[in-house]
């Protein structure tokens, strides 16, 4: 068992105030400062790529960027809350050190946070472009189905790949909404042509992130935790992770082709794939303690570089060249 979590659970002072409880919760389950750069790149890339497809040479305004970013943060927070509900029984049995099973935060309180997220997202959408509420509603419905495990929990749990794919469907929905923050306020009735490849990238990248965070070295495995290194074996899990990175890179190059930015995207992602491959081989053959954490960090860096190179960087370069 991870002793650092038990030490955290043993600190009675953390329950002294509501603020302290929620601060500990975000630190352990949704570290805002760690997630913010990736979510910012994710949301800005969405509106920048949409603008590039429209042929725009202007940087997105602060209002679409702010709405896309805040709405994305709230969506990923809702994903975390959904996990707390659907995994409560397993967490109570196998991971009692987590904030909800140990009683730091109650599910009822998280339900109120979920509701607050919906209110804030709706307010942001109405402020920017009321039509965005249509896209937002689709995201809410899918999140709700995920929380209920699509009413097929046992069937999905018995099929880990189907389970993962079904849950990754939320990624293109969140990304599609973020792109809508660019084209919907401008009066477009349909998204810019070519956006589909970007949504494919978002879906595949979600799989890369999911597998990357669930590959561990033997010393870091926990009883009752179905990591991919346990389900498939470390060698196969690493191979699938690299294969999904390669597939994501191929889709990203197709998306980059629509905006004339293939070479930089291919070079950046190719370099990360080589690094990931080297770390994966080290994990399989050396099996050092904590090696799996490095793969998770590489997955985060991959996500950041992917979205910066696919949307933010090309729009910025196009803008500065015209000054």
C-alpha atoms as a PDB file:
ATOM      1  CA  UNK A   1       0.000   0.000   0.000  1.00  0.00           C
ATOM      2  CA  UNK A   2       1.180   3.511  -0.687  1.00  0.00           C
ATOM      3  CA  UNK A   3       2.291   4.750   2.723  1.00  0.00           C
ATOM      4  CA  UNK A   4       2.229   8.409   1.710  1.00  0.00           C
ATOM      5  CA  UNK A   5      -1.554   8.114   1.342  1.00  0.00           C
ATOM      6  CA  UNK A   6      -1.891   6.571   4.775  1.00  0.00           C
ATOM      7  CA  UNK A   7       0.163   9.402   6.228  1.00  0.00           C
ATOM      8  CA  UNK A   8      -2.172  11.838   4.550  1.00  0.00           C
ATOM      9  CA  UNK A   9      -5.169  10.008   6.014  1.00  0.00           C
ATOM     10  CA  UNK A  10      -3.661  10.162   9.486  1.00  0.00           C
ATOM     11  CA  UNK A  11      -3.555  13.968   9.602  1.00  0.00           C
ATOM     12  CA  UNK A  12      -6.646  15.085  11.560  1.00  0.00           C
ATOM     13  CA  UNK A  13      -5.779  18.754  10.931  1.00  0.00           C
ATOM     14  CA  UNK A  14      -6.790  18.419   7.289  1.00  0.00           C
ATOM     15  CA  UNK A  15     -10.424  18.146   8.391  1.00  0.00           C
ATOM     16  CA  UNK A  16     -10.319  21.301  10.481  1.00  0.00           C
ATOM     17  CA  UNK A  17     -12.061  23.483   7.919  1.00  0.00           C
ATOM     18  CA  UNK A  18     -14.044  23.054   4.724  1.00  0.00           C
ATOM     19  CA  UNK A  19     -11.317  24.884   2.818  1.00  0.00           C
ATOM     20  CA  UNK A  20      -8.661  22.493   4.096  1.00  0.00           C
ATOM     21  CA  UNK A  21     -10.733  19.451   3.166  1.00  0.00           C
ATOM     22  CA  UNK A  22     -11.265  20.617  -0.392  1.00  0.00           C
ATOM     23  CA  UNK A  23      -7.656  21.703  -0.735  1.00  0.00           C
ATOM     24  CA  UNK A  24      -6.498  18.206   0.220  1.00  0.00           C
ATOM     25  CA  UNK A  25      -9.048  16.673  -2.148  1.00  0.00           C
ATOM     26  CA  UNK A  26      -7.870  18.695  -5.129  1.00  0.00           C
ATOM     27  CA  UNK A  27      -4.237  17.994  -4.272  1.00  0.00           C
ATOM     28  CA  UNK A  28      -4.786  14.245  -4.212  1.00  0.00           C
ATOM     29  CA  UNK A  29      -7.486  13.734  -6.847  1.00  0.00           C
ATOM     30  CA  UNK A  30      -7.575  16.788  -9.121  1.00  0.00           C
ATOM     31  CA  UNK A  31      -4.340  18.802  -8.798  1.00  0.00           C
ATOM     32  CA  UNK A  32      -5.402  22.048 -10.440  1.00  0.00           C
ATOM     33  CA  UNK A  33      -1.944  23.498 -10.949  1.00  0.00           C
ATOM     34  CA  UNK A  34      -0.680  20.296 -12.586  1.00  0.00           C
ATOM     35  CA  UNK A  35      -3.698  19.956 -14.871  1.00  0.00           C
ATOM     36  CA  UNK A  36      -4.076  23.620 -15.804  1.00  0.00           C
ATOM     37  CA  UNK A  37      -1.237  23.829 -18.402  1.00  0.00           C
ATOM     38  CA  UNK A  38      -2.465  20.727 -20.256  1.00  0.00           C
ATOM     39  CA  UNK A  39      -6.118  21.825 -20.173  1.00  0.00           C
ATOM     40  CA  UNK A  40      -5.094  25.308 -21.311  1.00  0.00           C
ATOM     41  CA  UNK A  41      -3.196  23.830 -24.267  1.00  0.00           C
ATOM     42  CA  UNK A  42      -6.143  21.530 -24.977  1.00  0.00           C
ATOM     43  CA  UNK A  43      -8.734  24.312 -25.036  1.00  0.00           C
ATOM     44  CA  UNK A  44      -6.607  26.920 -26.829  1.00  0.00           C
ATOM     45  CA  UNK A  45      -5.629  24.365 -29.446  1.00  0.00           C
ATOM     46  CA  UNK A  46      -9.300  23.641 -30.099  1.00  0.00           C
ATOM     47  CA  UNK A  47     -10.232  27.248 -30.821  1.00  0.00           C
ATOM     48  CA  UNK A  48      -6.936  27.949 -32.625  1.00  0.00           C
ATOM     49  CA  UNK A  49      -7.306  24.928 -34.907  1.00  0.00           C
ATOM     50  CA  UNK A  50     -10.895  25.902 -35.652  1.00  0.00           C
ATOM     51  CA  UNK A  51      -9.738  29.418 -36.524  1.00  0.00           C
ATOM     52  CA  UNK A  52      -7.032  28.018 -38.806  1.00  0.00           C
ATOM     53  CA  UNK A  53      -9.563  25.879 -40.635  1.00  0.00           C
ATOM     54  CA  UNK A  54     -11.680  28.993 -41.161  1.00  0.00           C
ATOM     55  CA  UNK A  55      -8.664  30.670 -42.739  1.00  0.00           C
ATOM     56  CA  UNK A  56      -8.364  33.222 -39.965  1.00  0.00           C
ATOM     57  CA  UNK A  57      -5.047  34.963 -39.317  1.00  0.00           C
ATOM     58  CA  UNK A  58      -6.222  36.583 -36.093  1.00  0.00           C
ATOM     59  CA  UNK A  59      -5.501  35.263 -32.634  1.00  0.00           C
ATOM     60  CA  UNK A  60      -8.670  34.122 -30.827  1.00  0.00           C
ATOM     61  CA  UNK A  61     -10.224  36.728 -28.548  1.00  0.00           C
ATOM     62  CA  UNK A  62      -9.947  36.439 -24.791  1.00  0.00           C
ATOM     63  CA  UNK A  63     -13.638  35.635 -24.374  1.00  0.00           C
ATOM     64  CA  UNK A  64     -13.753  32.410 -26.464  1.00  0.00           C
ATOM     65  CA  UNK A  65     -10.442  31.344 -24.940  1.00  0.00           C
ATOM     66  CA  UNK A  66     -11.652  31.929 -21.389  1.00  0.00           C
ATOM     67  CA  UNK A  67     -14.931  30.080 -21.923  1.00  0.00           C
ATOM     68  CA  UNK A  68     -13.230  27.146 -23.644  1.00  0.00           C
ATOM     69  CA  UNK A  69     -10.627  26.867 -20.872  1.00  0.00           C
ATOM     70  CA  UNK A  70     -12.975  27.180 -17.898  1.00  0.00           C
ATOM     71  CA  UNK A  71     -15.571  24.878 -19.446  1.00  0.00           C
ATOM     72  CA  UNK A  72     -12.896  22.270 -20.175  1.00  0.00           C
ATOM     73  CA  UNK A  73     -11.556  22.436 -16.616  1.00  0.00           C
ATOM     74  CA  UNK A  74     -15.074  21.930 -15.286  1.00  0.00           C
ATOM     75  CA  UNK A  75     -15.652  19.007 -17.680  1.00  0.00           C
ATOM     76  CA  UNK A  76     -12.510  17.237 -16.511  1.00  0.00           C
ATOM     77  CA  UNK A  77     -13.506  17.903 -12.894  1.00  0.00           C
ATOM     78  CA  UNK A  78     -16.859  16.280 -13.663  1.00  0.00           C
ATOM     79  CA  UNK A  79     -14.968  13.298 -15.073  1.00  0.00           C
ATOM     80  CA  UNK A  80     -13.091  12.958 -11.806  1.00  0.00           C
ATOM     81  CA  UNK A  81     -16.328  13.211  -9.826  1.00  0.00           C
ATOM     82  CA  UNK A  82     -17.907  10.576 -12.074  1.00  0.00           C
ATOM     83  CA  UNK A  83     -14.987   8.275 -11.206  1.00  0.00           C
ATOM     84  CA  UNK A  84     -15.602   8.842  -7.499  1.00  0.00           C
ATOM     85  CA  UNK A  85     -19.200   7.673  -7.826  1.00  0.00           C
ATOM     86  CA  UNK A  86     -18.700   4.696 -10.113  1.00  0.00           C
ATOM     87  CA  UNK A  87     -15.561   3.452  -8.310  1.00  0.00           C
ATOM     88  CA  UNK A  88     -16.730   4.045  -4.741  1.00  0.00           C
ATOM     89  CA  UNK A  89     -17.210   0.378  -3.858  1.00  0.00           C
ATOM     90  CA  UNK A  90     -13.867  -0.685  -5.321  1.00  0.00           C
ATOM     91  CA  UNK A  91     -12.076   2.265  -3.742  1.00  0.00           C
ATOM     92  CA  UNK A  92     -13.586   1.470  -0.338  1.00  0.00           C
ATOM     93  CA  UNK A  93     -12.329  -2.108  -0.615  1.00  0.00           C
ATOM     94  CA  UNK A  94      -8.940  -1.672  -2.262  1.00  0.00           C
ATOM     95  CA  UNK A  95      -8.027   2.022  -1.971  1.00  0.00           C
ATOM     96  CA  UNK A  96      -9.380   3.236   1.379  1.00  0.00           C
ATOM     97  CA  UNK A  97      -6.636   5.890   1.518  1.00  0.00           C
ATOM     98  CA  UNK A  98      -8.430   7.996  -1.106  1.00  0.00           C
ATOM     99  CA  UNK A  99     -10.333  11.087   0.130  1.00  0.00           C
ATOM    100  CA  UNK A 100     -13.877   9.782  -0.385  1.00  0.00           C
ATOM    101  CA  UNK A 101     -13.494   6.278   1.142  1.00  0.00           C
ATOM    102  CA  UNK A 102     -11.624   7.672   4.142  1.00  0.00           C
ATOM    103  CA  UNK A 103     -14.403  10.175   4.777  1.00  0.00           C
ATOM    104  CA  UNK A 104     -12.634  13.417   3.965  1.00  0.00           C
ATOM    105  CA  UNK A 105     -15.201  14.302   1.282  1.00  0.00           C
ATOM    106  CA  UNK A 106     -18.678  12.804   0.938  1.00  0.00           C
ATOM    107  CA  UNK A 107     -20.320  11.750  -2.297  1.00  0.00           C
ATOM    108  CA  UNK A 108     -23.217  14.064  -1.482  1.00  0.00           C
ATOM    109  CA  UNK A 109     -20.822  17.003  -1.444  1.00  0.00           C
ATOM    110  CA  UNK A 110     -19.366  15.958  -4.776  1.00  0.00           C
ATOM    111  CA  UNK A 111     -22.896  15.802  -6.214  1.00  0.00           C
ATOM    112  CA  UNK A 112     -23.326  19.475  -5.259  1.00  0.00           C
ATOM    113  CA  UNK A 113     -20.026  20.296  -6.945  1.00  0.00           C
ATOM    114  CA  UNK A 114     -21.224  18.459 -10.067  1.00  0.00           C
ATOM    115  CA  UNK A 115     -24.361  20.599 -10.052  1.00  0.00           C
ATOM    116  CA  UNK A 116     -22.326  23.770  -9.594  1.00  0.00           C
ATOM    117  CA  UNK A 117     -20.173  22.786 -12.582  1.00  0.00           C
ATOM    118  CA  UNK A 118     -23.285  22.468 -14.742  1.00  0.00           C
ATOM    119  CA  UNK A 119     -24.569  25.879 -13.656  1.00  0.00           C
ATOM    120  CA  UNK A 120     -21.204  27.541 -14.326  1.00  0.00           C
ATOM    121  CA  UNK A 121     -20.803  25.860 -17.710  1.00  0.00           C
ATOM    122  CA  UNK A 122     -24.310  26.871 -18.734  1.00  0.00           C
ATOM    123  CA  UNK A 123     -23.688  30.464 -17.642  1.00  0.00           C
ATOM    124  CA  UNK A 124     -20.430  30.613 -19.603  1.00  0.00           C
ATOM    125  CA  UNK A 125     -22.083  29.171 -22.718  1.00  0.00           C
ATOM    126  CA  UNK A 126     -25.003  31.605 -22.530  1.00  0.00           C
ATOM    127  CA  UNK A 127     -22.563  34.480 -22.056  1.00  0.00           C
ATOM    128  CA  UNK A 128     -20.546  33.585 -25.161  1.00  0.00           C
ATOM    129  CA  UNK A 129     -23.188  32.108 -27.495  1.00  0.00           C
ATOM    130  CA  UNK A 130     -26.440  30.519 -26.275  1.00  0.00           C
ATOM    131  CA  UNK A 131     -26.326  27.958 -29.087  1.00  0.00           C
ATOM    132  CA  UNK A 132     -23.347  26.405 -27.314  1.00  0.00           C
ATOM    133  CA  UNK A 133     -25.807  24.964 -24.813  1.00  0.00           C
ATOM    134  CA  UNK A 134     -26.740  22.346 -27.426  1.00  0.00           C
ATOM    135  CA  UNK A 135     -23.165  21.030 -27.575  1.00  0.00           C
ATOM    136  CA  UNK A 136     -22.859  21.311 -23.820  1.00  0.00           C
ATOM    137  CA  UNK A 137     -25.998  19.248 -23.266  1.00  0.00           C
ATOM    138  CA  UNK A 138     -24.540  16.420 -25.366  1.00  0.00           C
ATOM    139  CA  UNK A 139     -21.463  16.415 -23.118  1.00  0.00           C
ATOM    140  CA  UNK A 140     -23.609  16.326 -19.982  1.00  0.00           C
ATOM    141  CA  UNK A 141     -25.663  13.392 -21.274  1.00  0.00           C
ATOM    142  CA  UNK A 142     -22.551  11.381 -22.089  1.00  0.00           C
ATOM    143  CA  UNK A 143     -21.023  12.183 -18.707  1.00  0.00           C
ATOM    144  CA  UNK A 144     -24.195  11.020 -17.022  1.00  0.00           C
ATOM    145  CA  UNK A 145     -24.130   7.744 -18.947  1.00  0.00           C
ATOM    146  CA  UNK A 146     -20.485   7.260 -17.999  1.00  0.00           C
ATOM    147  CA  UNK A 147     -21.350   7.754 -14.336  1.00  0.00           C
ATOM    148  CA  UNK A 148     -23.930   4.969 -14.658  1.00  0.00           C
ATOM    149  CA  UNK A 149     -21.439   2.849 -16.628  1.00  0.00           C
ATOM    150  CA  UNK A 150     -23.889   2.952 -19.565  1.00  0.00           C
ATOM    151  CA  UNK A 151     -26.111   0.669 -17.465  1.00  0.00           C
ATOM    152  CA  UNK A 152     -23.833  -2.245 -18.347  1.00  0.00           C
ATOM    153  CA  UNK A 153     -21.180  -2.197 -15.624  1.00  0.00           C
ATOM    154  CA  UNK A 154     -20.508  -5.948 -15.431  1.00  0.00           C
ATOM    155  CA  UNK A 155     -20.430  -6.370 -19.202  1.00  0.00           C
ATOM    156  CA  UNK A 156     -18.011  -3.454 -19.638  1.00  0.00           C
ATOM    157  CA  UNK A 157     -15.792  -4.478 -16.718  1.00  0.00           C
ATOM    158  CA  UNK A 158     -15.350  -7.884 -18.318  1.00  0.00           C
ATOM    159  CA  UNK A 159     -14.112  -6.185 -21.506  1.00  0.00           C
ATOM    160  CA  UNK A 160     -11.370  -3.677 -20.564  1.00  0.00           C
ATOM    161  CA  UNK A 161     -10.761  -2.478 -24.130  1.00  0.00           C
ATOM    162  CA  UNK A 162     -14.455  -1.816 -24.775  1.00  0.00           C
ATOM    163  CA  UNK A 163     -14.661  -0.142 -21.364  1.00  0.00           C
ATOM    164  CA  UNK A 164     -11.793   2.196 -22.200  1.00  0.00           C
ATOM    165  CA  UNK A 165     -13.095   3.031 -25.684  1.00  0.00           C
ATOM    166  CA  UNK A 166     -16.598   3.756 -24.388  1.00  0.00           C
ATOM    167  CA  UNK A 167     -15.236   6.164 -21.793  1.00  0.00           C
ATOM    168  CA  UNK A 168     -12.882   7.898 -24.218  1.00  0.00           C
ATOM    169  CA  UNK A 169     -15.890   8.994 -26.258  1.00  0.00           C
ATOM    170  CA  UNK A 170     -16.148  11.969 -23.923  1.00  0.00           C
ATOM    171  CA  UNK A 171     -12.872  13.433 -25.201  1.00  0.00           C
ATOM    172  CA  UNK A 172     -13.993  14.443 -28.709  1.00  0.00           C
ATOM    173  CA  UNK A 173     -17.238  15.763 -27.222  1.00  0.00           C
ATOM    174  CA  UNK A 174     -15.363  18.089 -24.856  1.00  0.00           C
ATOM    175  CA  UNK A 175     -13.021  19.085 -27.672  1.00  0.00           C
ATOM    176  CA  UNK A 176     -15.895  19.676 -30.086  1.00  0.00           C
ATOM    177  CA  UNK A 177     -17.505  22.004 -27.570  1.00  0.00           C
ATOM    178  CA  UNK A 178     -14.213  23.880 -27.194  1.00  0.00           C
ATOM    179  CA  UNK A 179     -13.979  24.346 -30.968  1.00  0.00           C
ATOM    180  CA  UNK A 180     -17.550  25.597 -30.905  1.00  0.00           C
ATOM    181  CA  UNK A 181     -16.379  28.464 -28.726  1.00  0.00           C
ATOM    182  CA  UNK A 182     -14.651  29.727 -31.884  1.00  0.00           C
ATOM    183  CA  UNK A 183     -17.103  29.124 -34.720  1.00  0.00           C
ATOM    184  CA  UNK A 184     -20.501  29.269 -33.040  1.00  0.00           C
ATOM    185  CA  UNK A 185     -20.280  32.908 -31.809  1.00  0.00           C
ATOM    186  CA  UNK A 186     -19.434  33.908 -35.397  1.00  0.00           C
ATOM    187  CA  UNK A 187     -22.765  32.622 -36.661  1.00  0.00           C
ATOM    188  CA  UNK A 188     -21.555  29.432 -38.338  1.00  0.00           C
ATOM    189  CA  UNK A 189     -24.294  26.789 -38.526  1.00  0.00           C
ATOM    190  CA  UNK A 190     -21.818  23.937 -38.930  1.00  0.00           C
ATOM    191  CA  UNK A 191     -18.192  23.368 -37.891  1.00  0.00           C
ATOM    192  CA  UNK A 192     -15.324  24.210 -40.265  1.00  0.00           C
ATOM    193  CA  UNK A 193     -14.587  21.563 -42.847  1.00  0.00           C
ATOM    194  CA  UNK A 194     -11.803  19.220 -41.790  1.00  0.00           C
ATOM    195  CA  UNK A 195     -12.529  19.314 -38.060  1.00  0.00           C
ATOM    196  CA  UNK A 196     -13.181  15.573 -37.954  1.00  0.00           C
ATOM    197  CA  UNK A 197      -9.465  14.710 -37.984  1.00  0.00           C
ATOM    198  CA  UNK A 198      -8.956  16.922 -34.955  1.00  0.00           C
ATOM    199  CA  UNK A 199     -11.696  15.051 -33.086  1.00  0.00           C
ATOM    200  CA  UNK A 200     -10.079  11.736 -34.036  1.00  0.00           C
ATOM    201  CA  UNK A 201      -6.817  13.037 -32.572  1.00  0.00           C
ATOM    202  CA  UNK A 202      -8.632  13.957 -29.369  1.00  0.00           C
ATOM    203  CA  UNK A 203     -10.154  10.476 -29.063  1.00  0.00           C
ATOM    204  CA  UNK A 204      -6.886   8.643 -29.700  1.00  0.00           C
ATOM    205  CA  UNK A 205      -4.957  10.948 -27.422  1.00  0.00           C
ATOM    206  CA  UNK A 206      -7.376  10.131 -24.611  1.00  0.00           C
ATOM    207  CA  UNK A 207      -6.468   6.470 -25.041  1.00  0.00           C
ATOM    208  CA  UNK A 208      -2.753   7.325 -24.939  1.00  0.00           C
ATOM    209  CA  UNK A 209      -3.259   9.197 -21.664  1.00  0.00           C
ATOM    210  CA  UNK A 210      -5.408   6.440 -20.170  1.00  0.00           C
ATOM    211  CA  UNK A 211      -2.950   3.641 -20.961  1.00  0.00           C
ATOM    212  CA  UNK A 212       0.082   5.728 -20.005  1.00  0.00           C
ATOM    213  CA  UNK A 213      -1.206   6.400 -16.508  1.00  0.00           C
ATOM    214  CA  UNK A 214      -1.997   2.724 -15.913  1.00  0.00           C
ATOM    215  CA  UNK A 215       1.333   1.106 -16.721  1.00  0.00           C
ATOM    216  CA  UNK A 216       3.357   0.459 -13.585  1.00  0.00           C
ATOM    217  CA  UNK A 217       6.481  -1.281 -12.461  1.00  0.00           C
ATOM    218  CA  UNK A 218       5.955  -4.425 -10.326  1.00  0.00           C
ATOM    219  CA  UNK A 219       6.729  -2.607  -7.076  1.00  0.00           C
ATOM    220  CA  UNK A 220       3.997  -0.043  -7.714  1.00  0.00           C
ATOM    221  CA  UNK A 221       1.131  -2.391  -8.507  1.00  0.00           C
ATOM    222  CA  UNK A 222      -1.765  -2.439  -6.026  1.00  0.00           C
ATOM    223  CA  UNK A 223      -4.166  -5.246  -5.200  1.00  0.00           C
ATOM    224  CA  UNK A 224      -7.524  -4.730  -6.849  1.00  0.00           C
ATOM    225  CA  UNK A 225      -6.270  -2.076  -9.278  1.00  0.00           C
ATOM    226  CA  UNK A 226      -6.688  -3.216 -12.882  1.00  0.00           C
ATOM    227  CA  UNK A 227      -3.726  -1.543 -14.538  1.00  0.00           C
ATOM    228  CA  UNK A 228      -2.907  -2.423 -18.133  1.00  0.00           C
ATOM    229  CA  UNK A 229       0.461  -3.753 -17.029  1.00  0.00           C
ATOM    230  CA  UNK A 230      -1.490  -6.343 -14.982  1.00  0.00           C
ATOM    231  CA  UNK A 231      -4.202  -7.039 -17.560  1.00  0.00           C
ATOM    232  CA  UNK A 232      -1.905  -7.334 -20.559  1.00  0.00           C
ATOM    233  CA  UNK A 233       1.584  -7.684 -19.097  1.00  0.00           C
ATOM    234  CA  UNK A 234       4.131  -4.858 -19.116  1.00  0.00           C
ATOM    235  CA  UNK A 235       5.589  -5.673 -22.525  1.00  0.00           C
ATOM    236  CA  UNK A 236       2.241  -5.770 -24.316  1.00  0.00           C
ATOM    237  CA  UNK A 237       0.936  -2.721 -22.432  1.00  0.00           C
ATOM    238  CA  UNK A 238       3.965  -0.671 -23.457  1.00  0.00           C
ATOM    239  CA  UNK A 239       3.645  -1.894 -27.057  1.00  0.00           C
ATOM    240  CA  UNK A 240      -0.027  -0.876 -27.197  1.00  0.00           C
ATOM    241  CA  UNK A 241       0.827   2.500 -25.641  1.00  0.00           C
ATOM    242  CA  UNK A 242       3.480   3.185 -28.280  1.00  0.00           C
ATOM    243  CA  UNK A 243       1.162   1.942 -31.029  1.00  0.00           C
ATOM    244  CA  UNK A 244      -1.568   4.326 -29.889  1.00  0.00           C
ATOM    245  CA  UNK A 245       0.941   7.174 -29.774  1.00  0.00           C
ATOM    246  CA  UNK A 246       1.932   6.359 -33.346  1.00  0.00           C
ATOM    247  CA  UNK A 247      -1.728   6.224 -34.418  1.00  0.00           C
ATOM    248  CA  UNK A 248      -2.382   9.550 -32.733  1.00  0.00           C
ATOM    249  CA  UNK A 249       0.638  11.060 -34.465  1.00  0.00           C
ATOM    250  CA  UNK A 250      -0.620   9.800 -37.835  1.00  0.00           C
ATOM    251  CA  UNK A 251      -4.045  11.339 -37.220  1.00  0.00           C
ATOM    252  CA  UNK A 252      -2.380  14.557 -36.011  1.00  0.00           C
ATOM    253  CA  UNK A 253      -0.392  14.733 -39.253  1.00  0.00           C
ATOM    254  CA  UNK A 254      -3.634  14.367 -41.208  1.00  0.00           C
ATOM    255  CA  UNK A 255      -5.121  17.187 -39.159  1.00  0.00           C
ATOM    256  CA  UNK A 256      -1.945  19.266 -39.586  1.00  0.00           C
ATOM    257  CA  UNK A 257      -2.138  18.741 -43.333  1.00  0.00           C
ATOM    258  CA  UNK A 258      -5.360  20.759 -43.357  1.00  0.00           C
ATOM    259  CA  UNK A 259      -3.478  23.768 -41.986  1.00  0.00           C
ATOM    260  CA  UNK A 260      -0.117  23.291 -43.723  1.00  0.00           C
ATOM    261  CA  UNK A 261       1.852  22.326 -40.612  1.00  0.00           C
ATOM    262  CA  UNK A 262       2.701  18.652 -41.107  1.00  0.00           C
ATOM    263  CA  UNK A 263       6.503  18.704 -40.789  1.00  0.00           C
ATOM    264  CA  UNK A 264       6.730  20.468 -37.394  1.00  0.00           C
ATOM    265  CA  UNK A 265       3.982  18.266 -35.930  1.00  0.00           C
ATOM    266  CA  UNK A 266       5.630  15.087 -37.247  1.00  0.00           C
ATOM    267  CA  UNK A 267       9.041  16.105 -35.876  1.00  0.00           C
ATOM    268  CA  UNK A 268       7.757  17.003 -32.414  1.00  0.00           C
ATOM    269  CA  UNK A 269       5.591  13.919 -31.984  1.00  0.00           C
ATOM    270  CA  UNK A 270       8.194  11.637 -33.539  1.00  0.00           C
ATOM    271  CA  UNK A 271      10.761  12.771 -30.973  1.00  0.00           C
ATOM    272  CA  UNK A 272       8.370  12.074 -28.098  1.00  0.00           C
ATOM    273  CA  UNK A 273       7.560   8.622 -29.478  1.00  0.00           C
ATOM    274  CA  UNK A 274      11.280   7.765 -29.543  1.00  0.00           C
ATOM    275  CA  UNK A 275      11.639   8.911 -25.932  1.00  0.00           C
ATOM    276  CA  UNK A 276       8.549   6.956 -24.906  1.00  0.00           C
ATOM    277  CA  UNK A 277       9.889   3.854 -26.630  1.00  0.00           C
ATOM    278  CA  UNK A 278      13.202   4.106 -24.778  1.00  0.00           C
ATOM    279  CA  UNK A 279      11.449   4.494 -21.417  1.00  0.00           C
ATOM    280  CA  UNK A 280       9.090   1.640 -22.240  1.00  0.00           C
ATOM    281  CA  UNK A 281      11.959  -0.709 -23.035  1.00  0.00           C
ATOM    282  CA  UNK A 282      13.643   0.306 -19.788  1.00  0.00           C
ATOM    283  CA  UNK A 283      10.461  -0.471 -17.844  1.00  0.00           C
ATOM    284  CA  UNK A 284      10.068  -3.894 -19.439  1.00  0.00           C
ATOM    285  CA  UNK A 285      13.688  -4.990 -19.128  1.00  0.00           C
ATOM    286  CA  UNK A 286      14.974  -3.137 -16.060  1.00  0.00           C
ATOM    287  CA  UNK A 287      11.710  -2.901 -14.112  1.00  0.00           C
ATOM    288  CA  UNK A 288      12.927  -0.225 -11.761  1.00  0.00           C
ATOM    289  CA  UNK A 289      10.784   1.191  -8.996  1.00  0.00           C
ATOM    290  CA  UNK A 290       8.746   4.183 -10.161  1.00  0.00           C
ATOM    291  CA  UNK A 291       9.411   3.611 -13.865  1.00  0.00           C
ATOM    292  CA  UNK A 292       5.679   3.588 -14.571  1.00  0.00           C
ATOM    293  CA  UNK A 293       5.397   7.118 -13.222  1.00  0.00           C
ATOM    294  CA  UNK A 294       7.821   8.261 -15.911  1.00  0.00           C
ATOM    295  CA  UNK A 295       5.498   6.914 -18.589  1.00  0.00           C
ATOM    296  CA  UNK A 296       2.635   8.886 -17.046  1.00  0.00           C
ATOM    297  CA  UNK A 297       4.774  12.040 -17.112  1.00  0.00           C
ATOM    298  CA  UNK A 298       5.702  11.399 -20.746  1.00  0.00           C
ATOM    299  CA  UNK A 299       1.999  10.989 -21.542  1.00  0.00           C
ATOM    300  CA  UNK A 300       1.345  14.396 -20.005  1.00  0.00           C
ATOM    301  CA  UNK A 301       4.215  15.984 -21.938  1.00  0.00           C
ATOM    302  CA  UNK A 302       2.981  14.279 -25.104  1.00  0.00           C
ATOM    303  CA  UNK A 303      -0.495  15.746 -24.624  1.00  0.00           C
ATOM    304  CA  UNK A 304       0.887  19.239 -24.005  1.00  0.00           C
ATOM    305  CA  UNK A 305       3.201  19.174 -27.034  1.00  0.00           C
ATOM    306  CA  UNK A 306       0.526  17.645 -29.255  1.00  0.00           C
ATOM    307  CA  UNK A 307      -1.983  20.404 -28.646  1.00  0.00           C
ATOM    308  CA  UNK A 308       0.568  23.215 -28.733  1.00  0.00           C
ATOM    309  CA  UNK A 309       2.032  22.043 -32.036  1.00  0.00           C
ATOM    310  CA  UNK A 310      -1.325  21.320 -33.665  1.00  0.00           C
ATOM    311  CA  UNK A 311      -3.140  24.544 -32.882  1.00  0.00           C
ATOM    312  CA  UNK A 312      -1.473  27.158 -30.723  1.00  0.00           C
ATOM    313  CA  UNK A 313       1.928  27.274 -32.451  1.00  0.00           C
ATOM    314  CA  UNK A 314       0.734  27.360 -36.089  1.00  0.00           C
ATOM    315  CA  UNK A 315      -1.820  30.104 -35.443  1.00  0.00           C
ATOM    316  CA  UNK A 316       0.724  32.176 -33.509  1.00  0.00           C
ATOM    317  CA  UNK A 317       3.299  31.766 -36.271  1.00  0.00           C
ATOM    318  CA  UNK A 318       0.795  32.684 -38.941  1.00  0.00           C
ATOM    319  CA  UNK A 319      -0.191  35.784 -36.972  1.00  0.00           C
ATOM    320  CA  UNK A 320       3.350  37.007 -36.317  1.00  0.00           C
ATOM    321  CA  UNK A 321       4.440  36.517 -39.905  1.00  0.00           C
ATOM    322  CA  UNK A 322       1.778  39.022 -40.973  1.00  0.00           C
ATOM    323  CA  UNK A 323       2.807  41.761 -38.547  1.00  0.00           C
END
